[in-house]
Amino acid sequence: MASAEQYELFAEASIADQAAAKHFGIAIGALAGLFILAHWTQKLAPRVTNRSRSCDRLYTATIRPFRRAAAGAAVGGVLVLPGRMLLASAYFAINIVLTFTNVNWTSQTLFAKRLGWMALCNLCIAVFLGLKNTPLSPLAGKSYESINVLHRCCGYTTVMYMALHSTIFITGLQKAGALFVLSSRNQYAAATAGVALLVILVSSFGFVQKRRYELFVTLHLILVVLVLATGESVVPAHLV
C-alpha cells in the first residue's frame, strides 16, 4: 500500500508530465507554423514584389541565398538537405529537452512514466502525419511522400520511447520489489500496446511494406486503433 507521501510524489510527477505533454504540443505546433509561414511567404511574396522593381530586386537578393541553401549539397555521394536537417534537429531537441526537464529523479519509475508520456506525444504526431490526406500537406506545400518521411521518423521515435519506458519501468519495479504491479489490468493493456507497436515496426520494414502493401496498410490501421484503445487504460482516469 502506497503511503501519503508516495501518492503526493506521484501526483506531482503526473502534473509535471502533463505540463511536458502540453509544452510538446506547443513546440511542435510552433515548429510546423514556422514552416507553413515560410512556404506561404515564399509563395505570396513574388506576387507583391512584382509590382515594384526595387522590391523585386530586394526580394530576389534576399531569398536567393536561402534557396541555394535549401537546394542541398552532395556530401560523400549523399544529398544533404538543410531544411530537413534543421527540422529533424529541432524535433529531436524538443524531445530531449522535455524528456529530462522537471523530472523527479528520486524514483526510477517516475522517469519511466515521463518516457511513456513522450511515447504517447510522439504517437499522436505520427498518426497525424500518417494520414493520407493530412491537412499539413497543402498548408506546408509538401507532398504526401515528403510528409511520410516525417511520419516514419516520429514512428521510430515512438517505438524507441516505448522500449525505454518498458525497460526502465520494469527494472524500477524490480529494484523496489514491486513487480506485482505488472499483474494489474492496466499493465496488461500497456503490454498489449507495446507489442502492437513492435508489430507495426516490423511491418514497416521494406520486405513487408513493398511486397505486401495491402497487409502493411491493414496492419497499421488495426494496430494503431489497438494501441490507442489500450493506451487509454494506462492514462490516469481524470485525463480521459
Protein backbone atom coordinates (compact mmCIF):
# COMPACT_ATOMS: atom_id res chain seq x y z
CA MET A 1 0.00 0.00 0.00
CA ALA A 2 1.43 3.35 -1.04
CA SER A 3 1.89 5.97 1.67
CA ALA A 4 0.51 9.51 1.58
CA GLU A 5 3.98 10.81 0.69
CA GLN A 6 4.18 8.44 -2.27
CA TYR A 7 0.75 9.50 -3.52
CA GLU A 8 1.82 13.14 -3.29
CA LEU A 9 5.04 12.32 -5.13
CA PHE A 10 3.16 10.54 -7.92
CA ALA A 11 0.68 13.42 -8.17
CA GLU A 12 3.46 15.99 -8.56
CA ALA A 13 5.16 13.85 -11.18
CA SER A 14 1.87 13.45 -13.05
CA ILE A 15 1.39 17.23 -13.14
CA ALA A 16 4.94 17.67 -14.47
CA ASP A 17 4.34 15.00 -17.13
CA GLN A 18 1.13 16.70 -18.25
CA ALA A 19 2.99 20.01 -18.48
CA ALA A 20 5.67 18.35 -20.62
CA ALA A 21 2.98 16.99 -22.94
CA LYS A 22 1.42 20.45 -23.29
CA HIS A 23 4.80 22.03 -23.99
CA PHE A 24 5.46 19.32 -26.58
CA GLY A 25 2.24 20.17 -28.39
CA ILE A 26 3.00 23.89 -28.30
CA ALA A 27 6.59 23.42 -29.52
CA ILE A 28 5.63 21.06 -32.36
CA GLY A 29 2.77 23.38 -33.36
CA ALA A 30 5.13 26.37 -33.42
CA LEU A 31 7.67 24.40 -35.46
CA ALA A 32 5.01 23.43 -38.01
CA GLY A 33 3.78 27.03 -38.03
CA LEU A 34 7.24 28.32 -38.96
CA PHE A 35 7.48 26.02 -41.96
CA ILE A 36 3.93 26.87 -43.05
CA LEU A 37 4.74 30.57 -42.75
CA ALA A 38 7.95 30.14 -44.75
CA HIS A 39 6.07 28.28 -47.50
CA TRP A 40 3.32 30.89 -47.89
CA THR A 41 5.77 33.76 -47.64
CA GLN A 42 7.79 32.28 -50.47
CA LYS A 43 4.60 31.66 -52.47
CA LEU A 44 2.90 35.05 -52.00
CA ALA A 45 5.89 37.39 -51.82
CA PRO A 46 6.62 37.34 -55.60
CA ARG A 47 3.06 38.49 -56.32
CA VAL A 48 3.58 41.52 -54.11
CA THR A 49 7.13 42.37 -55.14
CA ASN A 50 6.40 42.09 -58.88
CA ARG A 51 4.51 45.37 -58.61
CA SER A 52 7.72 47.21 -57.82
CA ARG A 53 11.13 46.66 -59.42
CA SER A 54 13.02 47.82 -56.34
CA CYS A 55 11.03 45.46 -54.11
CA ASP A 56 11.52 42.65 -56.60
CA ARG A 57 15.30 43.15 -56.62
CA LEU A 58 15.40 43.29 -52.84
CA TYR A 59 13.31 40.12 -52.54
CA THR A 60 15.45 38.27 -55.11
CA ALA A 61 18.70 39.28 -53.40
CA THR A 62 17.33 38.26 -50.01
CA ILE A 63 15.76 34.95 -50.95
CA ARG A 64 18.49 33.69 -53.32
CA PRO A 65 20.96 32.54 -50.57
CA PHE A 66 18.15 30.67 -48.77
CA ARG A 67 17.09 28.92 -51.98
CA ARG A 68 20.65 27.84 -52.65
CA ALA A 69 20.99 26.52 -49.11
CA ALA A 70 17.64 24.74 -49.28
CA ALA A 71 18.61 23.05 -52.54
CA GLY A 72 21.08 20.93 -50.61
CA ALA A 73 24.52 19.66 -51.44
CA ALA A 74 26.05 16.28 -52.13
CA VAL A 75 28.36 15.13 -49.33
CA GLY A 76 30.13 11.85 -49.96
CA GLY A 77 27.53 10.85 -52.52
CA VAL A 78 24.65 11.64 -50.12
CA LEU A 79 22.30 14.56 -50.76
CA VAL A 80 22.12 16.70 -47.62
CA LEU A 81 19.02 18.88 -47.34
CA PRO A 82 19.50 21.69 -44.78
CA GLY A 83 15.77 22.21 -44.36
CA ARG A 84 15.17 18.63 -43.31
CA MET A 85 18.26 18.65 -41.10
CA LEU A 86 17.00 21.78 -39.35
CA LEU A 87 13.55 20.26 -38.88
CA ALA A 88 14.99 16.99 -37.54
CA SER A 89 17.37 18.82 -35.20
CA ALA A 90 14.55 20.95 -33.78
CA TYR A 91 12.29 17.90 -33.38
CA PHE A 92 14.88 15.85 -31.53
CA ALA A 93 15.91 18.85 -29.43
CA ILE A 94 12.29 19.29 -28.30
CA ASN A 95 12.10 15.61 -27.36
CA ILE A 96 15.40 15.60 -25.47
CA VAL A 97 14.67 18.79 -23.51
CA LEU A 98 11.18 17.67 -22.46
CA THR A 99 12.38 14.17 -21.59
CA PHE A 100 14.85 15.38 -18.98
CA THR A 101 13.28 18.66 -17.78
CA ASN A 102 11.40 18.82 -14.47
CA VAL A 103 11.76 15.10 -13.73
CA ASN A 104 11.72 13.71 -10.19
CA TRP A 105 14.82 11.52 -10.06
CA THR A 106 14.04 10.00 -6.65
CA SER A 107 12.27 7.09 -8.33
CA GLN A 108 13.23 5.25 -11.50
CA THR A 109 9.60 4.50 -12.29
CA LEU A 110 8.79 8.23 -12.33
CA PHE A 111 11.31 8.77 -15.10
CA ALA A 112 9.84 5.75 -16.90
CA LYS A 113 6.43 7.44 -16.73
CA ARG A 114 7.88 10.53 -18.38
CA LEU A 115 9.19 8.32 -21.19
CA GLY A 116 5.71 6.86 -21.52
CA TRP A 117 4.20 10.32 -21.89
CA MET A 118 6.77 11.20 -24.53
CA ALA A 119 5.90 8.00 -26.41
CA LEU A 120 2.23 8.99 -26.34
CA CYS A 121 3.00 12.51 -27.59
CA ASN A 122 5.10 11.23 -30.48
CA LEU A 123 2.45 8.63 -31.31
CA CYS A 124 -0.13 11.40 -31.76
CA ILE A 125 2.19 13.24 -34.16
CA ALA A 126 2.97 10.03 -36.05
CA VAL A 127 -0.74 9.28 -36.51
CA PHE A 128 -1.43 12.84 -37.70
CA LEU A 129 1.44 12.76 -40.21
CA GLY A 130 0.46 9.29 -41.41
CA LEU A 131 -2.98 10.40 -42.59
CA LYS A 132 -3.34 10.06 -46.36
CA ASN A 133 -4.99 13.48 -46.56
CA THR A 134 -3.22 15.23 -43.72
CA PRO A 135 -4.02 18.97 -43.70
CA LEU A 136 -0.32 19.70 -43.20
CA SER A 137 0.43 18.72 -46.81
CA PRO A 138 -1.37 21.63 -48.55
CA LEU A 139 -0.58 24.08 -45.75
CA ALA A 140 3.16 23.44 -45.90
CA GLY A 141 3.27 22.80 -49.63
CA LYS A 142 4.73 19.32 -49.17
CA SER A 143 3.79 16.09 -50.91
CA TYR A 144 2.47 13.02 -49.11
CA GLU A 145 5.83 11.32 -49.71
CA SER A 146 7.70 14.17 -48.00
CA ILE A 147 5.30 14.15 -45.04
CA ASN A 148 5.61 10.36 -44.83
CA VAL A 149 9.33 10.69 -44.12
CA LEU A 150 8.43 12.71 -41.02
CA HIS A 151 5.76 10.13 -40.14
CA ARG A 152 8.33 7.34 -40.13
CA CYS A 153 10.74 9.42 -38.07
CA CYS A 154 8.08 10.06 -35.42
CA GLY A 155 7.05 6.41 -35.54
CA TYR A 156 10.57 5.16 -34.86
CA THR A 157 10.91 7.70 -32.05
CA THR A 158 7.64 6.44 -30.54
CA VAL A 159 8.87 2.84 -30.54
CA MET A 160 12.19 3.91 -29.00
CA TYR A 161 10.41 5.74 -26.18
CA MET A 162 8.11 2.77 -25.64
CA ALA A 163 11.03 0.37 -25.37
CA LEU A 164 12.88 2.64 -22.93
CA HIS A 165 9.70 3.20 -20.91
CA SER A 166 9.03 -0.53 -20.58
CA THR A 167 12.62 -1.47 -19.72
CA ILE A 168 13.17 1.28 -17.15
CA PHE A 169 9.71 0.81 -15.59
CA ILE A 170 10.15 -2.94 -15.12
CA THR A 171 13.69 -2.66 -13.74
CA GLY A 172 12.49 0.11 -11.41
CA LEU A 173 9.72 -2.10 -10.07
CA GLN A 174 12.18 -4.96 -9.65
CA LYS A 175 14.54 -2.80 -7.59
CA ALA A 176 11.63 -1.64 -5.45
CA GLY A 177 10.36 -5.21 -5.02
CA ALA A 178 7.04 -4.26 -6.59
CA LEU A 179 6.81 -6.49 -9.66
CA PHE A 180 3.29 -7.44 -8.54
CA VAL A 181 2.19 -4.13 -10.09
CA LEU A 182 2.65 -5.74 -13.52
CA SER A 183 -0.27 -8.09 -12.81
CA SER A 184 -2.78 -5.23 -12.82
CA ARG A 185 -5.26 -4.83 -15.66
CA ASN A 186 -3.88 -1.52 -16.91
CA GLN A 187 -0.38 -3.01 -17.15
CA TYR A 188 -1.75 -5.81 -19.34
CA ALA A 189 -3.23 -3.10 -21.55
CA ALA A 190 0.13 -1.29 -21.64
CA ALA A 191 1.90 -4.52 -22.63
CA THR A 192 -0.64 -5.06 -25.42
CA ALA A 193 0.03 -1.55 -26.74
CA GLY A 194 3.78 -2.17 -26.63
CA VAL A 195 3.55 -5.44 -28.56
CA ALA A 196 1.27 -3.75 -31.13
CA LEU A 197 3.85 -1.01 -31.66
CA LEU A 198 6.58 -3.60 -32.19
CA VAL A 199 4.45 -5.39 -34.78
CA ILE A 200 3.87 -2.05 -36.53
CA LEU A 201 7.63 -1.51 -36.56
CA VAL A 202 8.32 -4.92 -38.10
CA SER A 203 5.56 -4.45 -40.69
CA SER A 204 7.12 -1.14 -41.76
CA PHE A 205 10.30 -2.84 -42.94
CA GLY A 206 10.82 -2.94 -46.70
CA PHE A 207 10.26 -6.67 -47.20
CA VAL A 208 6.72 -6.37 -45.83
CA GLN A 209 5.81 -2.87 -47.00
CA LYS A 210 6.88 -3.37 -50.61
CA ARG A 211 5.82 -6.99 -51.14
CA ARG A 212 2.60 -6.99 -49.10
CA TYR A 213 1.47 -3.37 -49.17
CA GLU A 214 -2.21 -4.19 -48.51
CA LEU A 215 -1.20 -6.23 -45.47
CA PHE A 216 1.06 -3.39 -44.35
CA VAL A 217 -1.76 -0.81 -44.51
CA THR A 218 -4.30 -3.13 -42.86
CA LEU A 219 -1.94 -3.96 -40.01
CA HIS A 220 -1.19 -0.28 -39.50
CA LEU A 221 -4.86 0.66 -39.24
CA ILE A 222 -5.86 -2.21 -36.93
CA LEU A 223 -2.83 -1.98 -34.66
CA VAL A 224 -2.91 1.82 -34.33
CA VAL A 225 -6.54 1.57 -33.19
CA LEU A 226 -5.47 -1.16 -30.76
CA VAL A 227 -2.64 1.00 -29.39
CA LEU A 228 -4.94 3.98 -28.88
CA ALA A 229 -7.63 1.82 -27.24
CA THR A 230 -5.29 0.03 -24.85
CA GLY A 231 -3.19 3.13 -24.21
CA GLU A 232 -6.29 4.86 -22.84
CA SER A 233 -6.28 2.37 -19.97
CA VAL A 234 -2.80 3.47 -18.94
CA VAL A 235 -3.54 7.20 -18.81
CA PRO A 236 -4.98 8.36 -15.45
CA ALA A 237 -8.79 8.29 -15.43
CA HIS A 238 -9.20 12.04 -14.83
CA LEU A 239 -7.36 12.78 -18.11
CA VAL A 240 -9.55 10.71 -20.48
